[in-house]
Protein backbone atom coordinates (compact mmCIF):
# COMPACT_ATOMS: atom_id res chain seq x y z
CA MET A 1 11.30 17.64 -30.24
CA LYS A 2 10.64 15.85 -26.99
CA LEU A 3 9.11 12.37 -27.01
CA SER A 4 6.88 11.18 -24.22
CA ARG A 5 7.88 8.17 -22.14
CA PRO A 6 5.26 5.83 -23.70
CA VAL A 7 6.21 6.86 -27.24
CA SER A 8 9.92 6.42 -26.53
CA TRP A 9 9.39 2.94 -25.08
CA PHE A 10 7.08 1.99 -27.96
CA LEU A 11 9.67 3.01 -30.56
CA LEU A 12 12.41 1.14 -28.71
CA ALA A 13 10.24 -1.97 -28.40
CA PHE A 14 9.31 -1.73 -32.09
CA GLY A 15 12.99 -1.68 -33.07
CA VAL A 16 13.75 -4.76 -30.95
CA TRP A 17 10.62 -6.54 -32.23
CA SER A 18 11.57 -5.78 -35.83
CA TRP A 19 15.01 -7.32 -35.38
CA PHE A 20 13.59 -10.39 -33.65
CA ILE A 21 10.93 -11.02 -36.30
CA TRP A 22 13.12 -10.44 -39.34
CA ILE A 23 16.07 -12.47 -38.02
CA THR A 24 13.65 -15.36 -37.53
CA PHE A 25 12.26 -14.82 -41.03
CA VAL A 26 15.71 -14.77 -42.66
CA LYS A 27 16.69 -17.97 -40.84
CA ASN A 28 13.53 -19.65 -42.11
CA LEU A 29 14.07 -18.24 -45.60
CA TRP A 30 17.63 -19.60 -45.65
CA LYS A 31 16.46 -23.08 -44.59
CA ASP A 32 13.52 -23.09 -47.03
CA GLY A 33 12.97 -26.49 -48.57
CA SER A 34 9.71 -25.77 -50.38
CA GLY A 35 11.37 -24.60 -53.58
CA LEU A 36 10.31 -20.98 -53.22
CA ALA A 37 13.62 -19.54 -52.04
CA PHE A 38 15.97 -21.89 -53.91
CA ASP A 39 15.52 -23.71 -57.18
CA ASP A 40 16.35 -27.36 -57.83
CA ALA A 41 20.02 -26.51 -58.43
CA GLY A 42 20.20 -24.72 -55.06
CA ASP A 43 20.44 -21.25 -56.55
CA PRO A 44 18.48 -18.36 -54.95
CA THR A 45 15.24 -17.43 -56.71
CA ALA A 46 13.64 -14.03 -57.22
CA TYR A 47 11.44 -14.83 -54.18
CA PHE A 48 14.59 -15.18 -52.06
CA TRP A 49 16.13 -11.90 -53.25
CA VAL A 50 12.93 -9.88 -52.85
CA HIS A 51 12.36 -11.17 -49.33
CA LEU A 52 15.99 -10.70 -48.37
CA LEU A 53 15.74 -7.09 -49.58
CA LEU A 54 12.58 -6.63 -47.49
CA ALA A 55 14.39 -8.03 -44.46
CA VAL A 56 17.39 -5.73 -44.93
CA ALA A 57 15.11 -2.70 -45.31
CA SER A 58 13.23 -3.74 -42.18
CA PHE A 59 16.51 -4.16 -40.26
CA LEU A 60 17.53 -0.63 -41.24
CA LEU A 61 14.14 0.90 -40.40
CA GLY A 62 13.87 -1.08 -37.16
CA THR A 63 17.33 0.08 -36.16
CA ALA A 64 16.56 3.74 -36.93
CA ILE A 65 13.24 3.62 -35.08
CA GLY A 66 14.79 1.77 -32.14
CA VAL A 67 17.62 4.31 -31.90
CA ILE A 68 15.10 7.17 -31.83
CA GLY A 69 13.22 5.39 -29.03
CA PHE A 70 16.44 4.66 -27.12
CA ARG A 71 17.53 8.27 -27.36
CA GLY A 72 14.11 9.39 -26.12
CA VAL A 73 14.25 7.04 -23.12
CA ARG A 74 17.80 8.09 -22.34
CA ALA A 75 16.91 11.80 -22.56
CA LEU A 76 13.94 11.32 -20.23
CA ARG A 77 16.11 9.49 -17.69
CA ARG A 78 18.82 12.13 -17.89
CA GLU A 79 16.21 14.87 -17.45
CA ALA A 80 14.70 13.10 -14.44
CA GLY A 81 18.17 12.80 -12.89
CA ASN A 82 18.89 16.53 -13.28
CA HIS A 83 15.80 17.73 -11.41
CA PRO A 84 15.77 17.43 -7.64
CA PRO A 85 12.51 16.10 -6.23
CA GLU A 86 9.97 18.81 -5.53
CA PRO A 87 8.97 19.34 -1.90
CA PRO A 88 5.47 18.21 -1.05
CA ALA A 89 2.83 20.90 -1.42
CA SER A 90 1.66 22.34 1.85
CA SER A 91 -1.91 21.60 2.71
CA SER A 92 -4.41 24.43 2.98
CA SER A 93 -5.13 23.61 6.66
CA ALA A 94 -1.47 24.08 7.62
CA SER A 95 -1.27 27.50 5.97
CA SER A 96 -4.53 28.70 7.52
CA ALA A 97 -3.44 27.73 11.03
CA SER A 98 -0.61 30.30 11.08
């Protein structure tokens, strides 16, 4: 299957965005002082574990999607490098003058 350039770049950008967002979320989750992520004794709560699991799943999916996008971009660039530029089309006035 061949991906178009916009789709390839979208998938790559989505993978990068996913990593950026979820790393920020995990940092905030780790520093949580509201009592949601850690109880009074400092132990992780169910909220912490569920959200950490969501973050890990999102890292994996973001990575897979980003890799698909990267491979699509790389394939398009490699394909563009293998084809020599096409000569300009002759105009109809030049061919009728002969």
